[in-house]
Amino acid sequence: MKVKRLLLPGLLGLAAYYALFGGEYSYFELKATREAARREAAELAERRRQIDSLQAWADSLRLDSVTLERLARERFGMIREGEILYRFTEPGDTAPADTVTGR
């Protein structure tokens, strides 16, 4: 009878220990796996937002001539016929004419 009293709590304690620390799917392993899955889901959501933003930008460049013209003017300094382009630079940004032409 005394053996049964000691055996049952011992087996329950061993089962609880194995559930928390043992095996491939321990409590802590599952907790770490859930956290990793949560981080990956957040990163995936961020990547999807970036893709949506880039897709909207590509659509506006493909379909909206005003956006395309603005990009050409801002990034490449393009102008329409008859317009004059003024570029303002800092005093140290310009090189002397001798170094620009290679003389």
C-alpha atoms as a PDB file:
ATOM      1  CA  MET A   1       0.000   0.000   0.000  1.00  0.00           C
ATOM      2  CA  LYS A   2       2.837   2.382   0.833  1.00  0.00           C
ATOM      3  CA  VAL A   3       4.380   1.707  -2.577  1.00  0.00           C
ATOM      4  CA  LYS A   4       1.185   2.821  -4.349  1.00  0.00           C
ATOM      5  CA  ARG A   5       1.172   6.085  -2.383  1.00  0.00           C
ATOM      6  CA  LEU A   6       4.716   6.869  -3.484  1.00  0.00           C
ATOM      7  CA  LEU A   7       4.416   5.523  -7.014  1.00  0.00           C
ATOM      8  CA  LEU A   8       1.424   7.608  -8.130  1.00  0.00           C
ATOM      9  CA  PRO A   9       2.866  11.040  -7.100  1.00  0.00           C
ATOM     10  CA  GLY A  10       6.222  10.008  -8.523  1.00  0.00           C
ATOM     11  CA  LEU A  11       4.685   9.099 -11.868  1.00  0.00           C
ATOM     12  CA  LEU A  12       2.661  12.314 -11.927  1.00  0.00           C
ATOM     13  CA  GLY A  13       5.778  14.324 -11.124  1.00  0.00           C
ATOM     14  CA  LEU A  14       7.726  12.534 -13.858  1.00  0.00           C
ATOM     15  CA  ALA A  15       4.918  13.157 -16.368  1.00  0.00           C
ATOM     16  CA  ALA A  16       4.800  16.861 -15.441  1.00  0.00           C
ATOM     17  CA  TYR A  17       8.589  17.157 -15.752  1.00  0.00           C
ATOM     18  CA  TYR A  18       8.529  15.467 -19.164  1.00  0.00           C
ATOM     19  CA  ALA A  19       5.669  17.718 -20.315  1.00  0.00           C
ATOM     20  CA  LEU A  20       7.616  20.858 -19.394  1.00  0.00           C
ATOM     21  CA  PHE A  21      11.206  19.980 -20.213  1.00  0.00           C
ATOM     22  CA  GLY A  22      11.340  16.752 -22.162  1.00  0.00           C
ATOM     23  CA  GLY A  23      10.718  15.603 -25.660  1.00  0.00           C
ATOM     24  CA  GLU A  24      10.659  17.423 -28.943  1.00  0.00           C
ATOM     25  CA  TYR A  25       7.533  19.409 -28.120  1.00  0.00           C
ATOM     26  CA  SER A  26       8.267  20.663 -24.626  1.00  0.00           C
ATOM     27  CA  TYR A  27       6.412  23.669 -23.260  1.00  0.00           C
ATOM     28  CA  PHE A  28       9.410  25.954 -23.745  1.00  0.00           C
ATOM     29  CA  GLU A  29      10.078  24.693 -27.258  1.00  0.00           C
ATOM     30  CA  LEU A  30       6.457  25.349 -28.220  1.00  0.00           C
ATOM     31  CA  LYS A  31       6.623  28.815 -26.661  1.00  0.00           C
ATOM     32  CA  ALA A  32       9.771  29.671 -28.642  1.00  0.00           C
ATOM     33  CA  THR A  33       8.215  28.306 -31.829  1.00  0.00           C
ATOM     34  CA  ARG A  34       5.072  30.397 -31.350  1.00  0.00           C
ATOM     35  CA  GLU A  35       7.181  33.522 -30.804  1.00  0.00           C
ATOM     36  CA  ALA A  36       9.206  32.818 -33.952  1.00  0.00           C
ATOM     37  CA  ALA A  37       5.990  32.290 -35.920  1.00  0.00           C
ATOM     38  CA  ARG A  38       4.615  35.600 -34.593  1.00  0.00           C
ATOM     39  CA  ARG A  39       7.801  37.441 -35.649  1.00  0.00           C
ATOM     40  CA  GLU A  40       7.700  35.856 -39.103  1.00  0.00           C
ATOM     41  CA  ALA A  41       4.041  36.800 -39.526  1.00  0.00           C
ATOM     42  CA  ALA A  42       4.816  40.417 -38.596  1.00  0.00           C
ATOM     43  CA  GLU A  43       7.711  40.494 -41.063  1.00  0.00           C
ATOM     44  CA  LEU A  44       5.508  38.985 -43.765  1.00  0.00           C
ATOM     45  CA  ALA A  45       2.846  41.640 -43.142  1.00  0.00           C
ATOM     46  CA  GLU A  46       5.502  44.367 -43.433  1.00  0.00           C
ATOM     47  CA  ARG A  47       6.792  42.906 -46.707  1.00  0.00           C
ATOM     48  CA  ARG A  48       3.242  42.797 -48.065  1.00  0.00           C
ATOM     49  CA  ARG A  49       2.770  46.465 -47.179  1.00  0.00           C
ATOM     50  CA  GLN A  50       6.012  47.278 -49.010  1.00  0.00           C
ATOM     51  CA  ILE A  51       4.913  45.288 -52.054  1.00  0.00           C
ATOM     52  CA  ASP A  52       1.548  47.075 -52.092  1.00  0.00           C
ATOM     53  CA  SER A  53       3.279  50.444 -51.868  1.00  0.00           C
ATOM     54  CA  LEU A  54       5.701  49.610 -54.673  1.00  0.00           C
ATOM     55  CA  GLN A  55       2.858  48.246 -56.798  1.00  0.00           C
ATOM     56  CA  ALA A  56       0.911  51.485 -56.319  1.00  0.00           C
ATOM     57  CA  TRP A  57       4.024  53.494 -57.266  1.00  0.00           C
ATOM     58  CA  ALA A  58       4.561  51.363 -60.398  1.00  0.00           C
ATOM     59  CA  ASP A  59       0.907  51.759 -61.371  1.00  0.00           C
ATOM     60  CA  SER A  60       1.084  55.523 -60.958  1.00  0.00           C
ATOM     61  CA  LEU A  61       4.236  55.672 -63.097  1.00  0.00           C
ATOM     62  CA  ARG A  62       2.638  53.499 -65.752  1.00  0.00           C
ATOM     63  CA  LEU A  63      -0.785  55.160 -65.837  1.00  0.00           C
ATOM     64  CA  ASP A  64      -0.418  58.721 -64.505  1.00  0.00           C
ATOM     65  CA  SER A  65       1.434  61.086 -66.821  1.00  0.00           C
ATOM     66  CA  VAL A  66       1.586  63.804 -64.142  1.00  0.00           C
ATOM     67  CA  THR A  67       3.522  61.514 -61.804  1.00  0.00           C
ATOM     68  CA  LEU A  68       5.844  60.486 -64.598  1.00  0.00           C
ATOM     69  CA  GLU A  69       6.501  64.111 -65.533  1.00  0.00           C
ATOM     70  CA  ARG A  70       7.150  65.064 -61.903  1.00  0.00           C
ATOM     71  CA  LEU A  71       9.659  62.228 -61.575  1.00  0.00           C
ATOM     72  CA  ALA A  72      11.413  63.239 -64.794  1.00  0.00           C
ATOM     73  CA  ARG A  73      11.656  66.852 -63.647  1.00  0.00           C
ATOM     74  CA  GLU A  74      12.797  66.142 -60.083  1.00  0.00           C
ATOM     75  CA  ARG A  75      15.149  63.258 -60.597  1.00  0.00           C
ATOM     76  CA  PHE A  76      16.560  63.855 -64.068  1.00  0.00           C
ATOM     77  CA  GLY A  77      16.233  67.638 -64.456  1.00  0.00           C
ATOM     78  CA  MET A  78      14.173  67.344 -67.623  1.00  0.00           C
ATOM     79  CA  ILE A  79      12.328  70.386 -68.889  1.00  0.00           C
ATOM     80  CA  ARG A  80       9.735  71.147 -71.525  1.00  0.00           C
ATOM     81  CA  GLU A  81      10.604  72.918 -74.733  1.00  0.00           C
ATOM     82  CA  GLY A  82      10.845  76.651 -74.129  1.00  0.00           C
ATOM     83  CA  GLU A  83      11.475  76.327 -70.360  1.00  0.00           C
ATOM     84  CA  ILE A  84      14.701  77.365 -68.692  1.00  0.00           C
ATOM     85  CA  LEU A  85      16.246  75.195 -65.993  1.00  0.00           C
ATOM     86  CA  TYR A  86      17.902  76.933 -63.063  1.00  0.00           C
ATOM     87  CA  ARG A  87      20.113  74.849 -60.767  1.00  0.00           C
ATOM     88  CA  PHE A  88      21.219  76.243 -57.463  1.00  0.00           C
ATOM     89  CA  THR A  89      24.334  74.769 -55.892  1.00  0.00           C
ATOM     90  CA  GLU A  90      26.377  75.482 -52.813  1.00  0.00           C
ATOM     91  CA  PRO A  91      29.564  77.516 -53.386  1.00  0.00           C
ATOM     92  CA  GLY A  92      31.836  74.515 -52.756  1.00  0.00           C
ATOM     93  CA  ASP A  93      29.912  72.177 -55.084  1.00  0.00           C
ATOM     94  CA  THR A  94      31.104  73.641 -58.391  1.00  0.00           C
ATOM     95  CA  ALA A  95      34.470  72.760 -59.910  1.00  0.00           C
ATOM     96  CA  PRO A  96      36.537  75.256 -61.913  1.00  0.00           C
ATOM     97  CA  ALA A  97      36.057  75.169 -65.689  1.00  0.00           C
ATOM     98  CA  ASP A  98      39.589  73.796 -66.198  1.00  0.00           C
ATOM     99  CA  THR A  99      38.871  70.562 -64.302  1.00  0.00           C
ATOM    100  CA  VAL A 100      35.451  70.062 -65.890  1.00  0.00           C
ATOM    101  CA  THR A 101      36.674  70.268 -69.486  1.00  0.00           C
ATOM    102  CA  GLY A 102      39.919  68.461 -68.770  1.00  0.00           C
ATOM    103  CA  ARG A 103      42.224  71.351 -69.821  1.00  0.00           C
END
